[in-house]
Amino acid sequence: MRNIISLFFVFIIGCSFLVSTSYAKWAHAFVVFDGGTYIISETHIEPKEIGKKIGELTNYSDNEGTYSGNFSNKFPQGTEYYEIKGVKANDSIAVKESEKSFIKANYNGEYAGSGEQSDNKYNWQNLLPYFIGLILLIGVIYLFLKKRNSQ
């Protein structure tokens, strides 16, 4: 009976390593363009003030994390970015909401996901706790079976 209880606890501890990461919500609605973060404002831009298309969204997620490419936590993939006439893209860009509706997004600095490992969701730092848990689980099962066979 004692061995069954021990094995049960090993199983519970092993399963605790498989619990997925929980995500928080973003603090601001934003888009990422060319490695820079642009916070979505409440300002709508008239179509006559819109310049040429400068890019479009390649990724979308409403869960906090680090993503690569032209990314947004509000707009769907494929949403287009436009320059605003008379405004440098380093200051503000226009994001197309609908056919004739554009909203201003203001530059807020470099995006953290523009680094080297931004598109690597499964790097060694994320997998290390699972690997350690697996090694511990295998070790405990080995000891359990060794003790059981010696009796």
N, C-alpha and C. Protein backbone atom coordinates (compact mmCIF):
# COMPACT_ATOMS: atom_id res chain seq x y z
N MET A 1 0.83 -1.20 0.00
CA MET A 1 0.00 0.00 0.00
C MET A 1 0.87 1.26 0.00
N ARG A 2 1.97 1.19 0.77
CA ARG A 2 2.86 2.34 0.85
C ARG A 2 3.48 2.66 -0.51
N ASN A 3 3.81 1.61 -1.27
CA ASN A 3 4.38 1.81 -2.60
C ASN A 3 3.38 2.45 -3.55
N ILE A 4 2.13 2.09 -3.44
CA ILE A 4 1.10 2.67 -4.30
C ILE A 4 0.94 4.16 -3.99
N ILE A 5 0.95 4.52 -2.72
CA ILE A 5 0.84 5.93 -2.34
C ILE A 5 2.05 6.71 -2.85
N SER A 6 3.24 6.13 -2.72
CA SER A 6 4.45 6.79 -3.22
C SER A 6 4.38 7.00 -4.73
N LEU A 7 3.94 5.97 -5.44
CA LEU A 7 3.81 6.08 -6.89
C LEU A 7 2.77 7.12 -7.27
N PHE A 8 1.69 7.21 -6.51
CA PHE A 8 0.66 8.21 -6.76
C PHE A 8 1.24 9.62 -6.64
N PHE A 9 2.02 9.88 -5.58
CA PHE A 9 2.63 11.19 -5.41
C PHE A 9 3.63 11.51 -6.51
N VAL A 10 4.38 10.51 -6.94
CA VAL A 10 5.32 10.71 -8.05
C VAL A 10 4.54 11.09 -9.31
N PHE A 11 3.44 10.43 -9.54
CA PHE A 11 2.60 10.72 -10.70
C PHE A 11 2.06 12.15 -10.64
N ILE A 12 1.57 12.57 -9.48
CA ILE A 12 1.03 13.93 -9.31
C ILE A 12 2.13 14.97 -9.53
N ILE A 13 3.31 14.74 -8.96
CA ILE A 13 4.42 15.68 -9.13
C ILE A 13 4.84 15.73 -10.60
N GLY A 14 4.90 14.58 -11.23
CA GLY A 14 5.26 14.53 -12.65
C GLY A 14 4.27 15.27 -13.52
N CYS A 15 2.99 15.14 -13.22
CA CYS A 15 1.96 15.83 -14.00
C CYS A 15 1.99 17.34 -13.78
N SER A 16 2.46 17.77 -12.62
CA SER A 16 2.50 19.21 -12.36
C SER A 16 3.45 19.93 -13.30
N PHE A 17 4.44 19.23 -13.84
CA PHE A 17 5.34 19.84 -14.80
C PHE A 17 4.69 20.03 -16.17
N LEU A 18 3.59 19.35 -16.41
CA LEU A 18 2.94 19.44 -17.70
C LEU A 18 1.89 20.54 -17.78
N VAL A 19 1.69 21.25 -16.69
CA VAL A 19 0.72 22.35 -16.69
C VAL A 19 1.24 23.44 -17.60
N SER A 20 0.39 23.93 -18.49
CA SER A 20 0.83 24.92 -19.46
C SER A 20 0.99 26.30 -18.82
N THR A 21 1.73 27.14 -19.49
CA THR A 21 1.97 28.50 -19.03
C THR A 21 0.69 29.31 -19.15
N SER A 22 0.40 30.10 -18.14
CA SER A 22 -0.76 30.98 -18.24
C SER A 22 -0.30 32.32 -18.78
N TYR A 23 -1.16 32.97 -19.53
CA TYR A 23 -0.83 34.23 -20.17
C TYR A 23 -1.69 35.34 -19.61
N ALA A 24 -1.10 36.52 -19.54
CA ALA A 24 -1.83 37.70 -19.11
C ALA A 24 -2.27 38.49 -20.34
N LYS A 25 -3.12 39.45 -20.13
CA LYS A 25 -3.56 40.32 -21.22
C LYS A 25 -2.58 41.47 -21.37
N TRP A 26 -2.53 42.04 -22.57
CA TRP A 26 -1.64 43.15 -22.86
C TRP A 26 -2.11 44.42 -22.14
N ALA A 27 -1.16 45.30 -21.85
CA ALA A 27 -1.48 46.58 -21.20
C ALA A 27 -2.07 47.57 -22.19
N HIS A 28 -1.63 47.51 -23.46
CA HIS A 28 -2.09 48.46 -24.49
C HIS A 28 -2.40 47.71 -25.78
N ALA A 29 -3.27 48.28 -26.58
CA ALA A 29 -3.46 47.80 -27.95
C ALA A 29 -2.33 48.40 -28.77
N PHE A 30 -1.63 47.57 -29.55
CA PHE A 30 -0.50 48.08 -30.32
C PHE A 30 -0.27 47.26 -31.58
N VAL A 31 0.58 47.81 -32.45
CA VAL A 31 1.08 47.09 -33.62
C VAL A 31 2.59 47.20 -33.60
N VAL A 32 3.24 46.24 -34.23
CA VAL A 32 4.69 46.29 -34.40
C VAL A 32 4.96 46.44 -35.89
N PHE A 33 5.76 47.44 -36.23
CA PHE A 33 6.15 47.67 -37.62
C PHE A 33 7.64 47.90 -37.68
N ASP A 34 8.33 47.11 -38.46
CA ASP A 34 9.76 47.27 -38.69
C ASP A 34 10.55 47.32 -37.38
N GLY A 35 10.18 46.47 -36.41
CA GLY A 35 10.89 46.37 -35.14
C GLY A 35 10.50 47.39 -34.09
N GLY A 36 9.58 48.30 -34.43
CA GLY A 36 9.15 49.32 -33.47
C GLY A 36 7.72 49.08 -33.01
N THR A 37 7.43 49.45 -31.77
CA THR A 37 6.09 49.32 -31.21
C THR A 37 5.33 50.63 -31.41
N TYR A 38 4.10 50.52 -31.89
CA TYR A 38 3.23 51.67 -32.09
C TYR A 38 1.95 51.45 -31.30
N ILE A 39 1.69 52.34 -30.34
CA ILE A 39 0.48 52.26 -29.51
C ILE A 39 -0.70 52.81 -30.30
N ILE A 40 -1.80 52.07 -30.31
CA ILE A 40 -3.01 52.51 -31.02
C ILE A 40 -3.64 53.66 -30.26
N SER A 41 -3.91 54.75 -30.97
CA SER A 41 -4.53 55.92 -30.34
C SER A 41 -6.03 55.92 -30.64
N GLU A 42 -6.71 56.95 -30.17
CA GLU A 42 -8.14 57.13 -30.45
C GLU A 42 -8.35 58.02 -31.67
N THR A 43 -7.25 58.49 -32.26
CA THR A 43 -7.32 59.44 -33.37
C THR A 43 -7.57 58.73 -34.69
N HIS A 44 -8.65 59.12 -35.36
CA HIS A 44 -8.93 58.59 -36.70
C HIS A 44 -8.31 59.52 -37.73
N ILE A 45 -7.79 58.94 -38.79
CA ILE A 45 -7.12 59.69 -39.85
C ILE A 45 -8.02 59.72 -41.08
N GLU A 46 -8.18 60.89 -41.66
CA GLU A 46 -8.98 61.04 -42.89
C GLU A 46 -8.26 60.33 -44.05
N PRO A 47 -9.02 59.68 -44.94
CA PRO A 47 -8.39 58.99 -46.08
C PRO A 47 -7.51 59.89 -46.94
N LYS A 48 -7.82 61.19 -47.03
CA LYS A 48 -7.01 62.10 -47.85
C LYS A 48 -5.63 62.35 -47.23
N GLU A 49 -5.46 62.04 -45.94
CA GLU A 49 -4.17 62.22 -45.26
C GLU A 49 -3.30 60.96 -45.32
N ILE A 50 -3.83 59.90 -45.93
CA ILE A 50 -3.12 58.62 -45.99
C ILE A 50 -2.18 58.60 -47.18
N GLY A 51 -0.94 58.17 -46.93
CA GLY A 51 0.06 58.03 -47.99
C GLY A 51 0.07 56.61 -48.52
N LYS A 52 1.25 56.16 -48.92
CA LYS A 52 1.37 54.82 -49.51
C LYS A 52 1.39 53.72 -48.44
N LYS A 53 1.06 52.52 -48.89
CA LYS A 53 1.10 51.35 -48.02
C LYS A 53 2.55 51.04 -47.69
N ILE A 54 2.85 50.81 -46.40
CA ILE A 54 4.23 50.53 -45.98
C ILE A 54 4.41 49.13 -45.39
N GLY A 55 3.33 48.40 -45.20
CA GLY A 55 3.45 47.05 -44.66
C GLY A 55 2.11 46.49 -44.25
N GLU A 56 2.15 45.27 -43.71
CA GLU A 56 0.93 44.64 -43.20
C GLU A 56 1.28 43.67 -42.08
N LEU A 57 0.26 43.34 -41.30
CA LEU A 57 0.44 42.43 -40.16
C LEU A 57 0.74 41.02 -40.63
N THR A 58 1.71 40.40 -39.97
CA THR A 58 2.02 39.00 -40.27
C THR A 58 1.61 38.07 -39.13
N ASN A 59 1.43 38.62 -37.92
CA ASN A 59 1.06 37.81 -36.75
C ASN A 59 0.06 38.55 -35.87
N TYR A 60 -0.82 37.78 -35.22
CA TYR A 60 -1.78 38.33 -34.26
C TYR A 60 -1.86 37.40 -33.06
N SER A 61 -1.96 37.98 -31.87
CA SER A 61 -2.28 37.22 -30.66
C SER A 61 -2.80 38.18 -29.61
N ASP A 62 -3.81 37.74 -28.87
CA ASP A 62 -4.30 38.57 -27.77
C ASP A 62 -3.74 38.09 -26.43
N ASN A 63 -2.83 37.13 -26.46
CA ASN A 63 -2.15 36.66 -25.25
C ASN A 63 -0.76 37.28 -25.16
N GLU A 64 -0.39 37.70 -23.96
CA GLU A 64 0.91 38.33 -23.77
C GLU A 64 2.01 37.33 -24.07
N GLY A 65 3.02 37.79 -24.74
CA GLY A 65 4.15 36.96 -25.11
C GLY A 65 5.08 37.75 -26.00
N THR A 66 6.05 37.08 -26.59
CA THR A 66 6.98 37.73 -27.49
C THR A 66 6.82 37.10 -28.86
N TYR A 67 6.52 37.89 -29.86
CA TYR A 67 6.24 37.40 -31.20
C TYR A 67 7.13 38.11 -32.20
N SER A 68 7.32 37.51 -33.36
CA SER A 68 8.18 38.10 -34.37
C SER A 68 7.36 38.68 -35.52
N GLY A 69 8.02 39.49 -36.33
CA GLY A 69 7.38 40.06 -37.51
C GLY A 69 6.54 41.27 -37.18
N ASN A 70 5.73 41.68 -38.15
CA ASN A 70 4.79 42.78 -37.96
C ASN A 70 3.60 42.21 -37.20
N PHE A 71 3.53 42.52 -35.95
CA PHE A 71 2.65 41.85 -35.00
C PHE A 71 1.66 42.84 -34.40
N SER A 72 0.47 42.33 -34.00
CA SER A 72 -0.51 43.15 -33.29
C SER A 72 -1.26 42.31 -32.28
N ASN A 73 -1.73 42.99 -31.24
CA ASN A 73 -2.58 42.33 -30.26
C ASN A 73 -4.04 42.77 -30.42
N LYS A 74 -4.32 43.54 -31.48
CA LYS A 74 -5.67 44.02 -31.71
C LYS A 74 -6.20 43.68 -33.10
N PHE A 75 -5.40 43.88 -34.11
CA PHE A 75 -5.84 43.73 -35.49
C PHE A 75 -5.49 42.36 -36.05
N PRO A 76 -6.30 41.84 -36.97
CA PRO A 76 -6.04 40.51 -37.54
C PRO A 76 -4.88 40.52 -38.53
N GLN A 77 -4.35 39.34 -38.76
CA GLN A 77 -3.28 39.16 -39.75
C GLN A 77 -3.76 39.68 -41.10
N GLY A 78 -2.90 40.40 -41.80
CA GLY A 78 -3.25 40.96 -43.10
C GLY A 78 -3.67 42.42 -43.04
N THR A 79 -3.90 42.97 -41.84
CA THR A 79 -4.24 44.39 -41.69
C THR A 79 -3.09 45.22 -42.24
N GLU A 80 -3.42 46.27 -42.98
CA GLU A 80 -2.40 47.06 -43.67
C GLU A 80 -1.96 48.29 -42.88
N TYR A 81 -0.66 48.64 -43.02
CA TYR A 81 -0.09 49.85 -42.44
C TYR A 81 0.13 50.86 -43.57
N TYR A 82 -0.12 52.13 -43.26
CA TYR A 82 0.09 53.20 -44.24
C TYR A 82 0.86 54.33 -43.59
N GLU A 83 1.59 55.07 -44.43
CA GLU A 83 2.22 56.28 -43.94
C GLU A 83 1.17 57.38 -43.85
N ILE A 84 1.41 58.34 -42.97
CA ILE A 84 0.54 59.51 -42.85
C ILE A 84 1.28 60.65 -43.52
N LYS A 85 0.63 61.33 -44.46
CA LYS A 85 1.28 62.42 -45.20
C LYS A 85 1.77 63.49 -44.23
N GLY A 86 3.04 63.86 -44.40
CA GLY A 86 3.64 64.90 -43.57
C GLY A 86 4.13 64.43 -42.21
N VAL A 87 4.03 63.12 -41.94
CA VAL A 87 4.47 62.57 -40.65
C VAL A 87 5.48 61.45 -40.92
N LYS A 88 6.60 61.46 -40.22
CA LYS A 88 7.60 60.41 -40.39
C LYS A 88 7.07 59.10 -39.79
N ALA A 89 7.41 58.00 -40.44
CA ALA A 89 6.98 56.68 -39.94
C ALA A 89 7.60 56.38 -38.57
N ASN A 90 8.70 57.05 -38.23
CA ASN A 90 9.31 56.87 -36.91
C ASN A 90 8.48 57.53 -35.82
N ASP A 91 7.54 58.40 -36.20
CA ASP A 91 6.68 59.08 -35.23
C ASP A 91 5.30 58.42 -35.13
N SER A 92 4.65 58.23 -36.28
CA SER A 92 3.29 57.65 -36.31
C SER A 92 3.04 56.97 -37.64
N ILE A 93 2.15 55.98 -37.62
CA ILE A 93 1.67 55.34 -38.84
C ILE A 93 0.16 55.23 -38.76
N ALA A 94 -0.47 54.94 -39.89
CA ALA A 94 -1.91 54.72 -39.93
C ALA A 94 -2.17 53.22 -40.10
N VAL A 95 -3.13 52.72 -39.35
CA VAL A 95 -3.53 51.31 -39.44
C VAL A 95 -4.93 51.27 -40.02
N LYS A 96 -5.12 50.47 -41.06
CA LYS A 96 -6.41 50.39 -41.74
C LYS A 96 -7.38 49.55 -40.92
N GLU A 97 -8.46 50.19 -40.44
CA GLU A 97 -9.49 49.47 -39.67
C GLU A 97 -10.54 48.86 -40.58
N SER A 98 -10.94 49.61 -41.60
CA SER A 98 -11.91 49.14 -42.58
C SER A 98 -11.61 49.84 -43.90
N GLU A 99 -12.48 49.69 -44.88
CA GLU A 99 -12.20 50.22 -46.22
C GLU A 99 -11.84 51.70 -46.23
N LYS A 100 -12.54 52.52 -45.45
CA LYS A 100 -12.27 53.96 -45.45
C LYS A 100 -12.01 54.49 -44.05
N SER A 101 -11.58 53.63 -43.16
CA SER A 101 -11.32 54.04 -41.78
C SER A 101 -9.89 53.67 -41.39
N PHE A 102 -9.15 54.69 -40.97
CA PHE A 102 -7.77 54.51 -40.55
C PHE A 102 -7.60 55.09 -39.15
N ILE A 103 -6.79 54.44 -38.34
CA ILE A 103 -6.54 54.91 -36.98
C ILE A 103 -5.04 55.14 -36.81
N LYS A 104 -4.71 56.15 -36.04
CA LYS A 104 -3.31 56.53 -35.83
C LYS A 104 -2.67 55.66 -34.75
N ALA A 105 -1.43 55.25 -35.02
CA ALA A 105 -0.63 54.50 -34.05
C ALA A 105 0.67 55.27 -33.85
N ASN A 106 1.00 55.58 -32.60
CA ASN A 106 2.16 56.40 -32.26
C ASN A 106 3.33 55.54 -31.80
N TYR A 107 4.52 55.87 -32.30
CA TYR A 107 5.74 55.13 -31.97
C TYR A 107 6.01 55.16 -30.47
N ASN A 108 6.39 53.98 -29.92
CA ASN A 108 6.61 53.87 -28.48
C ASN A 108 7.93 53.17 -28.15
N GLY A 109 8.82 53.01 -29.11
CA GLY A 109 10.11 52.38 -28.86
C GLY A 109 10.25 51.03 -29.55
N GLU A 110 11.42 50.43 -29.38
CA GLU A 110 11.71 49.13 -29.98
C GLU A 110 10.87 48.03 -29.34
N TYR A 111 10.47 47.06 -30.15
CA TYR A 111 9.71 45.92 -29.66
C TYR A 111 10.66 44.85 -29.14
N ALA A 112 10.37 44.29 -27.98
CA ALA A 112 11.24 43.28 -27.36
C ALA A 112 11.36 42.04 -28.22
N GLY A 113 10.36 41.74 -29.03
CA GLY A 113 10.37 40.54 -29.85
C GLY A 113 11.18 40.66 -31.12
N SER A 114 11.81 41.80 -31.35
CA SER A 114 12.59 41.96 -32.57
C SER A 114 13.99 41.37 -32.42
N GLY A 115 14.26 40.71 -31.29
CA GLY A 115 15.57 40.11 -31.03
C GLY A 115 15.75 38.78 -31.74
N GLU A 116 16.88 38.13 -31.43
CA GLU A 116 17.31 36.93 -32.12
C GLU A 116 16.40 35.73 -31.86
N GLN A 117 15.91 35.54 -30.61
CA GLN A 117 15.15 34.35 -30.27
C GLN A 117 13.65 34.59 -30.25
N SER A 118 13.17 35.67 -30.85
CA SER A 118 11.78 36.05 -30.71
C SER A 118 10.80 35.04 -31.30
N ASP A 119 11.21 34.32 -32.35
CA ASP A 119 10.28 33.38 -32.96
C ASP A 119 10.48 31.95 -32.45
N ASN A 120 11.34 31.77 -31.47
CA ASN A 120 11.62 30.45 -30.93
C ASN A 120 10.86 30.25 -29.63
N LYS A 121 9.66 29.71 -29.74
CA LYS A 121 8.80 29.50 -28.57
C LYS A 121 9.36 28.44 -27.64
N TYR A 122 10.07 27.47 -28.19
CA TYR A 122 10.55 26.34 -27.40
C TYR A 122 12.07 26.41 -27.23
N ASN A 123 12.58 27.45 -26.60
CA ASN A 123 14.01 27.50 -26.33
C ASN A 123 14.32 26.70 -25.07
N TRP A 124 15.60 26.49 -24.79
CA TRP A 124 16.00 25.61 -23.68
C TRP A 124 15.52 26.12 -22.33
N GLN A 125 15.40 27.43 -22.16
CA GLN A 125 14.95 27.97 -20.87
C GLN A 125 13.50 27.61 -20.59
N ASN A 126 12.69 27.52 -21.62
CA ASN A 126 11.29 27.12 -21.43
C ASN A 126 11.16 25.62 -21.19
N LEU A 127 12.05 24.84 -21.77
CA LEU A 127 11.95 23.38 -21.68
C LEU A 127 12.69 22.79 -20.48
N LEU A 128 13.57 23.56 -19.85
CA LEU A 128 14.38 23.05 -18.75
C LEU A 128 13.55 22.47 -17.59
N PRO A 129 12.49 23.12 -17.11
CA PRO A 129 11.71 22.52 -16.01
C PRO A 129 11.09 21.17 -16.39
N TYR A 130 10.65 21.04 -17.63
CA TYR A 130 10.07 19.77 -18.08
C TYR A 130 11.13 18.68 -18.13
N PHE A 131 12.32 19.04 -18.61
CA PHE A 131 13.41 18.08 -18.70
C PHE A 131 13.83 17.60 -17.31
N ILE A 132 13.96 18.52 -16.36
CA ILE A 132 14.32 18.15 -14.99
C ILE A 132 13.23 17.28 -14.37
N GLY A 133 11.98 17.63 -14.59
CA GLY A 133 10.87 16.83 -14.07
C GLY A 133 10.88 15.42 -14.65
N LEU A 134 11.17 15.31 -15.93
CA LEU A 134 11.22 13.99 -16.57
C LEU A 134 12.36 13.15 -15.99
N ILE A 135 13.52 13.75 -15.79
CA ILE A 135 14.65 13.03 -15.20
C ILE A 135 14.30 12.56 -13.78
N LEU A 136 13.69 13.44 -12.99
CA LEU A 136 13.29 13.05 -11.62
C LEU A 136 12.27 11.92 -11.64
N LEU A 137 11.30 12.01 -12.53
CA LEU A 137 10.28 10.98 -12.63
C LEU A 137 10.88 9.64 -13.02
N ILE A 138 11.78 9.65 -14.00
CA ILE A 138 12.44 8.41 -14.42
C ILE A 138 13.27 7.84 -13.27
N GLY A 139 13.97 8.70 -12.53
CA GLY A 139 14.77 8.25 -11.39
C GLY A 139 13.93 7.60 -10.31
N VAL A 140 12.80 8.21 -9.97
CA VAL A 140 11.93 7.66 -8.93
C VAL A 140 11.32 6.34 -9.38
N ILE A 141 10.90 6.27 -10.62
CA ILE A 141 10.33 5.01 -11.14
C ILE A 141 11.39 3.91 -11.14
N TYR A 142 12.63 4.26 -11.52
CA TYR A 142 13.72 3.29 -11.50
C TYR A 142 13.96 2.76 -10.09
N LEU A 143 14.03 3.66 -9.12
CA LEU A 143 14.23 3.24 -7.73
C LEU A 143 13.07 2.39 -7.23
N PHE A 144 11.86 2.75 -7.60
CA PHE A 144 10.68 1.99 -7.20
C PHE A 144 10.74 0.57 -7.76
N LEU A 145 11.06 0.45 -9.05
CA LEU A 145 11.12 -0.87 -9.68
C LEU A 145 12.29 -1.69 -9.13
N LYS A 146 13.41 -1.05 -8.86
CA LYS A 146 14.58 -1.75 -8.30
C LYS A 146 14.25 -2.31 -6.92
N LYS A 147 13.59 -1.51 -6.09
CA LYS A 147 13.22 -1.96 -4.74
C LYS A 147 12.19 -3.08 -4.83
N ARG A 148 11.25 -2.96 -5.76
CA ARG A 148 10.20 -3.96 -5.92
C ARG A 148 10.77 -5.30 -6.38
N ASN A 149 11.74 -5.28 -7.29
CA ASN A 149 12.35 -6.51 -7.80
C ASN A 149 13.25 -7.19 -6.78
N SER A 150 13.80 -6.42 -5.83
CA SER A 150 14.69 -7.00 -4.83
C SER A 150 13.92 -7.70 -3.71
N GLN A 151 12.64 -7.48 -3.61
CA GLN A 151 11.84 -8.10 -2.54
C GLN A 151 11.43 -9.49 -2.87
